[in-house]
């Protein structure tokens, strides 16, 4: 084999290795950059979702407290109404009492 042919083969191998290495490095850089962007979007969405969750939890707790208060008030009214009806419907009063 002549020195020129050997030089051409070694140069071709060097070019192929250089291109392969640079493509691999570029691919790794793109993957890292995409991962960073996905992490940033994930953090942003997590923050927004947490804010919405806190806001909804506060509203649901307020509605729950309001409904609990209304239900307790209705339960008290129903109890008072039962007592009033029981007084009205109590045993019949006799005008005349029989004493023997």
N, C-alpha and C. Protein backbone atom coordinates (compact mmCIF):
# COMPACT_ATOMS: atom_id res chain seq x y z
N UNK A 1 0.84 -1.15 0.00
CA UNK A 1 0.00 0.00 0.00
C UNK A 1 0.90 1.23 0.00
N UNK A 2 0.48 2.18 -0.80
CA UNK A 2 1.31 3.38 -0.93
C UNK A 2 1.00 4.35 0.20
N UNK A 3 1.93 5.21 0.51
CA UNK A 3 1.70 6.17 1.58
C UNK A 3 0.53 7.12 1.29
N UNK A 4 0.28 7.43 0.02
CA UNK A 4 -0.83 8.32 -0.31
C UNK A 4 -2.18 7.64 -0.01
N UNK A 5 -2.29 6.36 -0.34
CA UNK A 5 -3.52 5.61 -0.08
C UNK A 5 -3.75 5.48 1.42
N UNK A 6 -2.70 5.17 2.15
CA UNK A 6 -2.80 5.06 3.60
C UNK A 6 -3.22 6.40 4.22
N UNK A 7 -2.67 7.48 3.72
CA UNK A 7 -3.04 8.81 4.22
C UNK A 7 -4.51 9.12 3.93
N UNK A 8 -4.98 8.76 2.75
CA UNK A 8 -6.38 9.00 2.38
C UNK A 8 -7.31 8.18 3.28
N UNK A 9 -6.97 6.92 3.54
CA UNK A 9 -7.80 6.06 4.40
C UNK A 9 -7.82 6.60 5.83
N UNK A 10 -6.66 6.98 6.36
CA UNK A 10 -6.61 7.52 7.73
C UNK A 10 -7.36 8.85 7.82
N UNK A 11 -7.26 9.66 6.79
CA UNK A 11 -7.97 10.93 6.78
C UNK A 11 -9.48 10.69 6.75
N UNK A 12 -9.92 9.71 5.95
CA UNK A 12 -11.36 9.40 5.87
C UNK A 12 -11.86 8.90 7.22
N UNK A 13 -11.08 8.02 7.85
CA UNK A 13 -11.48 7.53 9.19
C UNK A 13 -11.53 8.68 10.18
N UNK A 14 -10.58 9.60 10.12
CA UNK A 14 -10.57 10.76 11.01
C UNK A 14 -11.78 11.65 10.79
N UNK A 15 -12.13 11.87 9.52
CA UNK A 15 -13.31 12.69 9.20
C UNK A 15 -14.57 12.03 9.71
N UNK A 16 -14.70 10.72 9.50
CA UNK A 16 -15.89 9.99 9.97
C UNK A 16 -15.97 10.06 11.49
N UNK A 17 -14.87 9.83 12.19
CA UNK A 17 -14.88 9.90 13.66
C UNK A 17 -15.22 11.32 14.14
N UNK A 18 -14.66 12.33 13.47
CA UNK A 18 -14.94 13.71 13.85
C UNK A 18 -16.41 14.04 13.64
N UNK A 19 -16.98 13.65 12.50
CA UNK A 19 -18.39 13.91 12.24
C UNK A 19 -19.28 13.15 13.22
N UNK A 20 -18.95 11.90 13.50
CA UNK A 20 -19.75 11.11 14.44
C UNK A 20 -19.71 11.72 15.83
N UNK A 21 -18.53 12.12 16.28
CA UNK A 21 -18.39 12.74 17.60
C UNK A 21 -19.15 14.05 17.67
N UNK A 22 -19.04 14.86 16.63
CA UNK A 22 -19.73 16.15 16.65
C UNK A 22 -21.24 15.97 16.59
N UNK A 23 -21.73 14.99 15.82
CA UNK A 23 -23.17 14.72 15.79
C UNK A 23 -23.66 14.22 17.15
N UNK A 24 -22.88 13.36 17.78
CA UNK A 24 -23.24 12.87 19.10
C UNK A 24 -23.29 14.02 20.11
N UNK A 25 -22.30 14.91 20.08
CA UNK A 25 -22.26 16.05 21.00
C UNK A 25 -23.43 16.99 20.74
N UNK A 26 -23.75 17.23 19.46
CA UNK A 26 -24.88 18.10 19.12
C UNK A 26 -26.19 17.48 19.59
N UNK A 27 -26.34 16.19 19.41
CA UNK A 27 -27.55 15.50 19.89
C UNK A 27 -27.68 15.58 21.39
N UNK A 28 -26.57 15.37 22.10
CA UNK A 28 -26.61 15.47 23.57
C UNK A 28 -26.95 16.88 24.02
N UNK A 29 -26.43 17.88 23.33
CA UNK A 29 -26.73 19.28 23.67
C UNK A 29 -28.21 19.58 23.45
N UNK A 30 -28.77 19.08 22.33
CA UNK A 30 -30.19 19.32 22.05
C UNK A 30 -31.08 18.63 23.09
N UNK A 31 -30.73 17.42 23.46
CA UNK A 31 -31.52 16.69 24.46
C UNK A 31 -31.47 17.42 25.80
N UNK A 32 -30.29 17.89 26.20
CA UNK A 32 -30.16 18.61 27.46
C UNK A 32 -30.97 19.90 27.43
N UNK A 33 -30.92 20.61 26.31
CA UNK A 33 -31.66 21.86 26.18
C UNK A 33 -33.18 21.61 26.23
N UNK A 34 -33.64 20.56 25.54
CA UNK A 34 -35.06 20.22 25.57
C UNK A 34 -35.48 19.84 26.99
N UNK A 35 -34.64 19.07 27.69
CA UNK A 35 -34.95 18.71 29.08
C UNK A 35 -35.06 19.94 29.96
N UNK A 36 -34.17 20.90 29.78
CA UNK A 36 -34.23 22.13 30.57
C UNK A 36 -35.52 22.89 30.30
N UNK A 37 -35.92 22.97 29.05
CA UNK A 37 -37.16 23.68 28.70
C UNK A 37 -38.38 22.95 29.27
N UNK A 38 -38.38 21.63 29.20
CA UNK A 38 -39.50 20.86 29.75
C UNK A 38 -39.57 21.05 31.26
N UNK A 39 -38.42 21.05 31.93
CA UNK A 39 -38.40 21.28 33.37
C UNK A 39 -38.94 22.67 33.72
N UNK A 40 -38.59 23.67 32.92
CA UNK A 40 -39.08 25.03 33.18
C UNK A 40 -40.59 25.10 33.00
N UNK A 41 -41.10 24.47 31.95
CA UNK A 41 -42.54 24.46 31.72
C UNK A 41 -43.25 23.68 32.83
N UNK A 42 -42.67 22.56 33.24
CA UNK A 42 -43.25 21.76 34.32
C UNK A 42 -43.33 22.56 35.61
N UNK A 43 -42.27 23.29 35.94
CA UNK A 43 -42.26 24.12 37.15
C UNK A 43 -43.32 25.21 37.06
N UNK A 44 -43.42 25.84 35.90
CA UNK A 44 -44.41 26.90 35.72
C UNK A 44 -45.83 26.37 35.86
N UNK A 45 -46.09 25.22 35.23
CA UNK A 45 -47.42 24.62 35.34
C UNK A 45 -47.72 24.17 36.77
N UNK A 46 -46.73 23.62 37.44
CA UNK A 46 -46.93 23.19 38.83
C UNK A 46 -47.28 24.37 39.71
N UNK A 47 -46.63 25.50 39.50
CA UNK A 47 -46.92 26.69 40.28
C UNK A 47 -48.35 27.16 40.02
N UNK A 48 -48.74 27.19 38.76
CA UNK A 48 -50.10 27.64 38.43
C UNK A 48 -51.15 26.68 38.97
N UNK A 49 -50.90 25.38 38.85
CA UNK A 49 -51.85 24.38 39.34
C UNK A 49 -51.98 24.48 40.86
N UNK A 50 -50.87 24.69 41.56
CA UNK A 50 -50.93 24.84 43.02
C UNK A 50 -51.73 26.07 43.41
N UNK A 51 -51.56 27.17 42.66
CA UNK A 51 -52.32 28.39 42.95
C UNK A 51 -53.81 28.16 42.75
N UNK A 52 -54.17 27.50 41.66
CA UNK A 52 -55.59 27.21 41.40
C UNK A 52 -56.13 26.26 42.46
N UNK A 53 -55.34 25.27 42.85
CA UNK A 53 -55.78 24.33 43.88
C UNK A 53 -56.02 25.04 45.21
N UNK A 54 -55.13 25.94 45.59
CA UNK A 54 -55.33 26.70 46.83
C UNK A 54 -56.58 27.56 46.76
N UNK A 55 -56.78 28.21 45.62
CA UNK A 55 -57.95 29.08 45.45
C UNK A 55 -59.24 28.27 45.53
N UNK A 56 -59.27 27.12 44.84
CA UNK A 56 -60.46 26.28 44.87
C UNK A 56 -60.69 25.68 46.25
N UNK A 57 -59.63 25.29 46.92
CA UNK A 57 -59.78 24.74 48.28
C UNK A 57 -60.38 25.78 49.22
N UNK A 58 -59.93 27.03 49.09
CA UNK A 58 -60.48 28.10 49.92
C UNK A 58 -61.96 28.29 49.63
N UNK A 59 -62.32 28.32 48.36
CA UNK A 59 -63.73 28.51 48.00
C UNK A 59 -64.59 27.34 48.48
N UNK A 60 -64.08 26.12 48.31
CA UNK A 60 -64.85 24.95 48.74
C UNK A 60 -65.02 24.95 50.25
N UNK A 61 -63.98 25.31 50.99
CA UNK A 61 -64.09 25.38 52.45
C UNK A 61 -65.11 26.43 52.86
N UNK A 62 -65.13 27.57 52.17
CA UNK A 62 -66.10 28.62 52.50
C UNK A 62 -67.52 28.14 52.24
N UNK A 63 -67.72 27.47 51.12
CA UNK A 63 -69.06 26.94 50.80
C UNK A 63 -69.45 25.86 51.81
N UNK A 64 -68.51 25.02 52.19
CA UNK A 64 -68.78 23.97 53.17
C UNK A 64 -69.19 24.58 54.51
N UNK A 65 -68.47 25.60 54.96
CA UNK A 65 -68.82 26.25 56.21
C UNK A 65 -70.20 26.89 56.13
N UNK A 66 -70.48 27.54 55.01
CA UNK A 66 -71.77 28.20 54.83
C UNK A 66 -72.91 27.18 54.83
N UNK A 67 -72.72 26.08 54.11
CA UNK A 67 -73.76 25.04 54.07
C UNK A 67 -73.92 24.37 55.43
N UNK A 68 -72.82 24.15 56.13
CA UNK A 68 -72.92 23.54 57.46
C UNK A 68 -73.72 24.44 58.40
N UNK A 69 -73.46 25.73 58.33
CA UNK A 69 -74.21 26.67 59.18
C UNK A 69 -75.69 26.66 58.82
N UNK A 70 -76.00 26.64 57.54
CA UNK A 70 -77.41 26.62 57.12
C UNK A 70 -78.08 25.32 57.53
N UNK A 71 -77.39 24.20 57.39
CA UNK A 71 -77.97 22.92 57.78
C UNK A 71 -78.20 22.88 59.28
N UNK A 72 -77.26 23.39 60.07
CA UNK A 72 -77.45 23.44 61.52
C UNK A 72 -78.64 24.32 61.89
N UNK A 73 -78.79 25.44 61.19
CA UNK A 73 -79.93 26.33 61.46
C UNK A 73 -81.24 25.63 61.12
N UNK A 74 -81.27 24.92 60.01
CA UNK A 74 -82.49 24.20 59.62
C UNK A 74 -82.78 23.09 60.62
N UNK A 75 -81.76 22.40 61.09
CA UNK A 75 -81.96 21.33 62.08
C UNK A 75 -82.56 21.91 63.37
N UNK A 76 -82.09 23.07 63.78
CA UNK A 76 -82.65 23.72 64.97
C UNK A 76 -84.10 24.12 64.74
N UNK A 77 -84.38 24.68 63.55
CA UNK A 77 -85.75 25.06 63.23
C UNK A 77 -86.68 23.85 63.19
N UNK A 78 -86.20 22.76 62.64
CA UNK A 78 -87.01 21.54 62.56
C UNK A 78 -87.27 21.00 63.96
N UNK A 79 -86.28 21.05 64.81
CA UNK A 79 -86.49 20.58 66.19
C UNK A 79 -87.53 21.45 66.89
N UNK A 80 -87.41 22.77 66.74
CA UNK A 80 -88.41 23.67 67.34
C UNK A 80 -89.79 23.40 66.76
N UNK A 81 -89.86 23.15 65.46
CA UNK A 81 -91.14 22.87 64.82
C UNK A 81 -91.73 21.56 65.33
N UNK A 82 -90.91 20.55 65.53
CA UNK A 82 -91.39 19.27 66.08
C UNK A 82 -91.97 19.47 67.47
N UNK A 83 -91.29 20.26 68.27
CA UNK A 83 -91.79 20.52 69.63
C UNK A 83 -93.12 21.26 69.58
N UNK A 84 -93.22 22.26 68.70
CA UNK A 84 -94.47 23.02 68.58
C UNK A 84 -95.60 22.13 68.10
N UNK A 85 -95.34 21.27 67.13
CA UNK A 85 -96.39 20.37 66.63
C UNK A 85 -96.77 19.38 67.71
N UNK A 86 -95.82 18.89 68.46
CA UNK A 86 -96.12 17.94 69.53
C UNK A 86 -97.00 18.60 70.60
N UNK A 87 -96.77 19.86 70.87
CA UNK A 87 -97.62 20.57 71.85
C UNK A 87 -99.03 20.74 71.32
N UNK A 88 -99.14 21.03 70.02
CA UNK A 88 -100.47 21.19 69.44
C UNK A 88 -101.22 19.88 69.34
N UNK A 89 -100.52 18.81 69.03
CA UNK A 89 -101.17 17.52 68.83
C UNK A 89 -101.18 16.67 70.09
N UNK A 90 -100.77 17.18 71.19
CA UNK A 90 -100.68 16.41 72.42
C UNK A 90 -101.99 15.70 72.75
N UNK A 91 -102.03 15.02 73.88
CA UNK A 91 -103.25 14.27 74.23
C UNK A 91 -104.43 15.24 74.36
N UNK A 92 -105.60 14.79 73.95
CA UNK A 92 -106.76 15.68 74.01
C UNK A 92 -107.07 16.07 75.45
N UNK A 93 -107.39 17.30 75.63
CA UNK A 93 -107.75 17.77 76.98
C UNK A 93 -109.25 17.58 77.16
N UNK A 94 -109.58 17.06 78.25
CA UNK A 94 -111.00 16.83 78.56
C UNK A 94 -111.53 18.02 79.34
N UNK A 95 -112.67 18.44 78.89
CA UNK A 95 -113.27 19.56 79.61
C UNK A 95 -113.84 19.09 80.94
N UNK A 96 -114.38 17.90 80.94
CA UNK A 96 -114.92 17.35 82.18
C UNK A 96 -114.01 16.21 82.63
N UNK A 97 -113.73 16.22 83.84
CA UNK A 97 -112.93 15.12 84.36
C UNK A 97 -113.81 14.28 85.24
N UNK A 98 -113.68 13.03 85.12
CA UNK A 98 -114.51 12.12 85.91
C UNK A 98 -113.72 11.70 87.13
N UNK A 99 -114.31 12.07 88.28
CA UNK A 99 -113.66 11.66 89.53
C UNK A 99 -114.55 10.64 90.19
N UNK A 100 -114.08 9.60 90.50
CA UNK A 100 -114.88 8.56 91.13
C UNK A 100 -114.26 8.08 92.36
